[in-house]
Amino acid sequence: MVGPQQFRGLANFSTFLLDRSSGVLFLGARDGILAVDTHNLAKQPHTIVWDVPEEKRRSCVAKGKTEGDCNNYIRLLEFLGDGQIYACGTYAFDPQCAFLNMSSFSLERWEDERVRTETGKGKCPFEPSQHYTAVVAGNNTHCTYTHKQTNKQTGNINIEHSGHPEVSVLSRDATCSTSSCLTLQKQEIGSCPMGRSGSDKSYLLYTY
């Protein structure tokens, strides 16, 4: 069985993604990503460290945030196709996203060996504890639709959409059997599609 001794110091797991074809379970943690072979739990998991530079961490603390929160909590893992996973983390209250190569289990890097990143604003929370769910739609556009805040009285939720500032209001779907299921009806926002594989809906599932 996989236990804490195999996690190599990684903790605070907050997101999970299973590759059904290989049986590999990817786990987003604080300052890293873990890959567990579910077909062989005795095998040592692969790990990637993706932490925050010390200077940026100190700057985050100086702004009044706690030391514990000024880490990089991986909150989003989604398949992009072409053997890639889109990974986003809080990155000391400055959300960043990176590209993970599944075959080599490594993050893409620039020529100077820095992790190749892009802004995660509108895709990933700033705070590690913020209630959140997301779905990625589109093959090459990797547009991300995120739920961050719910109005329990009206049943409406606010969403943010991958780098676009628009905020939309969603309504409950009659096909959902619980109050925690909402559907985002098809609409064109820039070049981003809604749904996957020709579907005209994207479902966001979450808990209160």
Protein backbone atom coordinates (compact mmCIF):
# COMPACT_ATOMS: atom_id res chain seq x y z
CA MET A 1 0.00 0.00 0.00
CA VAL A 2 1.04 3.58 -0.60
CA GLY A 3 1.64 5.47 2.63
CA PRO A 4 3.12 8.80 3.80
CA GLN A 5 6.64 7.38 3.61
CA GLN A 6 6.24 7.08 -0.18
CA PHE A 7 5.05 10.67 -0.62
CA ARG A 8 8.56 12.09 -0.18
CA GLY A 9 7.40 15.03 1.91
CA LEU A 10 4.42 15.95 -0.26
CA ALA A 11 1.18 16.66 1.62
CA ASN A 12 -2.10 18.57 1.43
CA PHE A 13 -3.48 16.71 -1.57
CA SER A 14 -6.32 18.73 -3.08
CA THR A 15 -6.95 17.42 -6.59
CA PHE A 16 -6.85 14.04 -8.32
CA LEU A 17 -6.76 12.90 -11.96
CA LEU A 18 -6.86 9.26 -13.13
CA ASP A 19 -5.45 8.15 -16.48
CA ARG A 20 -7.69 5.15 -17.14
CA SER A 21 -5.54 3.83 -19.98
CA SER A 22 -2.41 3.47 -17.84
CA GLY A 23 -3.92 3.30 -14.37
CA VAL A 24 -1.77 6.19 -13.17
CA LEU A 25 -3.36 8.45 -10.56
CA PHE A 26 -2.02 12.01 -10.54
CA LEU A 27 -2.34 13.91 -7.26
CA GLY A 28 -1.93 17.65 -6.81
CA ALA A 29 -0.28 18.53 -3.50
CA ARG A 30 1.44 21.39 -1.74
CA ASP A 31 4.51 22.30 -3.81
CA GLY A 32 4.35 19.22 -5.98
CA ILE A 33 2.60 16.57 -8.06
CA LEU A 34 2.58 12.83 -7.40
CA ALA A 35 1.95 9.96 -9.84
CA VAL A 36 0.79 6.64 -8.34
CA ASP A 37 0.59 3.41 -10.35
CA THR A 38 -2.75 1.98 -9.19
CA HIS A 39 -1.87 -1.37 -10.78
CA ASN A 40 1.19 -1.69 -8.57
CA LEU A 41 0.81 0.18 -5.30
CA ALA A 42 4.09 -1.24 -4.02
CA LYS A 43 5.93 0.75 -6.68
CA GLN A 44 7.51 4.00 -5.56
CA PRO A 45 5.39 6.93 -6.85
CA HIS A 46 6.98 9.51 -9.13
CA THR A 47 7.10 13.05 -7.79
CA ILE A 48 7.56 16.51 -9.23
CA VAL A 49 8.55 19.43 -7.01
CA TRP A 50 6.97 22.71 -8.12
CA ASP A 51 7.51 25.13 -5.28
CA VAL A 52 7.68 28.89 -4.83
CA PRO A 53 11.05 30.71 -4.93
CA GLU A 54 12.14 31.84 -1.47
CA GLU A 55 12.13 35.54 -2.44
CA LYS A 56 8.53 35.30 -3.66
CA ARG A 57 7.55 33.39 -0.53
CA ARG A 58 9.03 36.09 1.72
CA SER A 59 7.22 38.78 -0.27
CA CYS A 60 3.95 36.89 0.18
CA VAL A 61 4.45 36.70 3.97
CA ALA A 62 5.39 40.39 4.10
CA LYS A 63 1.98 41.20 2.60
CA GLY A 64 0.29 39.66 5.63
CA LYS A 65 -0.30 36.10 4.43
CA THR A 66 0.63 33.11 6.57
CA GLU A 67 3.76 31.11 5.83
CA GLY A 68 1.65 28.01 5.30
CA ASP A 69 -0.51 29.69 2.66
CA CYS A 70 2.49 31.14 0.78
CA ASN A 71 3.22 27.86 -0.97
CA ASN A 72 2.11 26.45 -4.31
CA TYR A 73 -1.01 24.35 -3.73
CA ILE A 74 -1.85 22.43 -6.92
CA ARG A 75 -5.62 22.88 -7.38
CA LEU A 76 -6.18 21.93 -11.03
CA LEU A 77 -5.07 18.90 -13.06
CA GLU A 78 -6.77 18.35 -16.44
CA PHE A 79 -5.89 16.37 -19.58
CA LEU A 80 -5.09 18.50 -22.63
CA GLY A 81 -4.46 15.76 -25.17
CA ASP A 82 -1.16 15.02 -26.94
CA GLY A 83 0.14 13.46 -23.74
CA GLN A 84 -0.10 16.63 -21.67
CA ILE A 85 -1.73 17.61 -18.40
CA TYR A 86 -2.60 21.20 -17.55
CA ALA A 87 -1.57 21.90 -13.94
CA CYS A 88 -2.40 25.04 -11.99
CA GLY A 89 -1.37 26.09 -8.50
CA THR A 90 -1.94 28.98 -6.10
CA TYR A 91 1.78 29.93 -6.26
CA ALA A 92 1.86 32.21 -3.19
CA PHE A 93 -1.37 34.04 -4.09
CA ASP A 94 -0.21 34.53 -7.71
CA PRO A 95 -1.86 31.57 -9.55
CA GLN A 96 0.29 29.97 -12.25
CA CYS A 97 -0.33 27.13 -14.72
CA ALA A 98 2.19 24.75 -16.28
CA PHE A 99 2.28 21.89 -18.77
CA LEU A 100 3.10 18.38 -17.57
CA ASN A 101 4.47 15.82 -20.04
CA MET A 102 2.90 12.49 -19.09
CA SER A 103 5.47 10.22 -20.77
CA SER A 104 8.47 11.78 -19.01
CA PHE A 105 6.48 13.00 -15.99
CA SER A 106 8.13 16.40 -16.11
CA LEU A 107 7.04 20.00 -16.39
CA GLU A 108 7.87 21.82 -19.62
CA ARG A 109 10.71 24.29 -19.19
CA TRP A 110 12.18 27.25 -20.99
CA GLU A 111 15.74 27.17 -22.34
CA ASP A 112 17.04 28.60 -19.04
CA GLU A 113 15.43 25.63 -17.21
CA ARG A 114 12.69 27.73 -15.58
CA VAL A 115 9.28 26.04 -15.56
CA ARG A 116 7.23 27.23 -18.51
CA THR A 117 4.20 28.90 -16.93
CA GLU A 118 1.29 31.13 -17.81
CA THR A 119 -1.06 33.07 -15.59
CA GLY A 120 -3.57 31.02 -13.66
CA LYS A 121 -5.87 33.93 -12.86
CA GLY A 122 -9.44 32.99 -13.69
CA LYS A 123 -8.42 29.31 -13.71
CA CYS A 124 -7.14 28.64 -10.21
CA PRO A 125 -7.91 30.14 -6.77
CA PHE A 126 -5.54 32.54 -5.06
CA GLU A 127 -6.17 30.91 -1.68
CA PRO A 128 -5.43 27.25 -0.87
CA SER A 129 -8.68 26.79 1.08
CA GLN A 130 -11.07 28.47 -1.35
CA HIS A 131 -13.99 26.27 -2.46
CA TYR A 132 -13.49 25.61 -6.13
CA THR A 133 -14.16 23.37 -9.09
CA ALA A 134 -13.17 23.63 -12.74
CA VAL A 135 -13.60 22.05 -16.15
CA VAL A 136 -11.36 22.40 -19.19
CA ALA A 137 -13.09 22.52 -22.59
CA GLY A 138 -11.54 22.51 -26.06
CA ASN A 139 -8.69 20.49 -27.48
CA ASN A 140 -6.09 23.15 -28.16
CA THR A 141 -7.56 26.20 -26.47
CA HIS A 142 -7.60 24.57 -22.98
CA CYS A 143 -10.27 27.07 -21.89
CA THR A 144 -11.03 26.74 -18.21
CA TYR A 145 -14.38 27.43 -16.58
CA THR A 146 -14.26 27.72 -12.80
CA HIS A 147 -16.79 27.99 -10.00
CA LYS A 148 -15.59 29.92 -6.99
CA GLN A 149 -18.50 31.31 -5.05
CA THR A 150 -22.08 30.27 -4.54
CA ASN A 151 -25.14 32.26 -3.49
CA LYS A 152 -27.04 29.62 -1.52
CA GLN A 153 -30.23 31.69 -1.29
CA THR A 154 -30.74 32.32 -5.01
CA GLY A 155 -29.04 29.17 -6.26
CA ASN A 156 -26.91 31.22 -8.66
CA ILE A 157 -23.16 30.90 -8.90
CA ASN A 158 -20.44 33.13 -10.25
CA ILE A 159 -17.97 31.67 -12.71
CA GLU A 160 -14.76 32.89 -14.26
CA HIS A 161 -13.68 31.86 -17.70
CA SER A 162 -10.06 31.32 -18.63
CA GLY A 163 -8.49 34.77 -18.82
CA HIS A 164 -11.71 36.54 -19.82
CA PRO A 165 -13.14 39.01 -17.29
CA GLU A 166 -16.81 38.18 -17.93
CA VAL A 167 -18.81 36.83 -15.03
CA SER A 168 -21.83 34.71 -15.91
CA VAL A 169 -24.78 33.47 -13.88
CA LEU A 170 -25.68 29.81 -14.21
CA SER A 171 -28.99 28.12 -13.48
CA ARG A 172 -29.70 24.71 -12.03
CA ASP A 173 -30.15 21.86 -14.47
CA ALA A 174 -33.44 19.97 -14.19
CA THR A 175 -31.61 16.69 -14.87
CA CYS A 176 -29.52 17.04 -11.72
CA SER A 177 -30.80 15.15 -8.70
CA THR A 178 -28.92 17.24 -6.15
CA SER A 179 -28.56 20.96 -5.44
CA SER A 180 -24.83 20.65 -6.01
CA CYS A 181 -25.05 20.08 -9.76
CA LEU A 182 -25.24 22.91 -12.25
CA THR A 183 -24.91 23.09 -16.01
CA LEU A 184 -23.29 25.74 -18.13
CA GLN A 185 -25.36 26.15 -21.30
CA LYS A 186 -23.56 26.40 -24.60
CA GLN A 187 -22.41 29.88 -25.54
CA GLU A 188 -19.62 31.35 -27.56
CA ILE A 189 -17.09 33.37 -25.52
CA GLY A 190 -14.17 34.33 -27.70
CA SER A 191 -12.69 31.18 -29.21
CA CYS A 192 -13.63 28.92 -26.30
CA PRO A 193 -16.18 26.14 -26.77
CA MET A 194 -18.51 24.72 -24.17
CA GLY A 195 -18.61 21.02 -23.38
CA ARG A 196 -16.52 18.16 -24.70
CA SER A 197 -16.73 15.85 -27.68
CA GLY A 198 -19.46 17.86 -29.36
CA SER A 199 -21.60 18.20 -26.24
CA ASP A 200 -23.43 21.47 -25.73
CA LYS A 201 -23.09 21.44 -21.94
CA SER A 202 -20.33 21.46 -19.33
CA TYR A 203 -21.15 20.18 -15.85
CA LEU A 204 -19.61 21.62 -12.70
CA LEU A 205 -19.92 19.34 -9.66
CA TYR A 206 -19.15 20.58 -6.18
CA THR A 207 -20.20 20.34 -2.51
CA TYR A 208 -21.24 22.99 -0.03
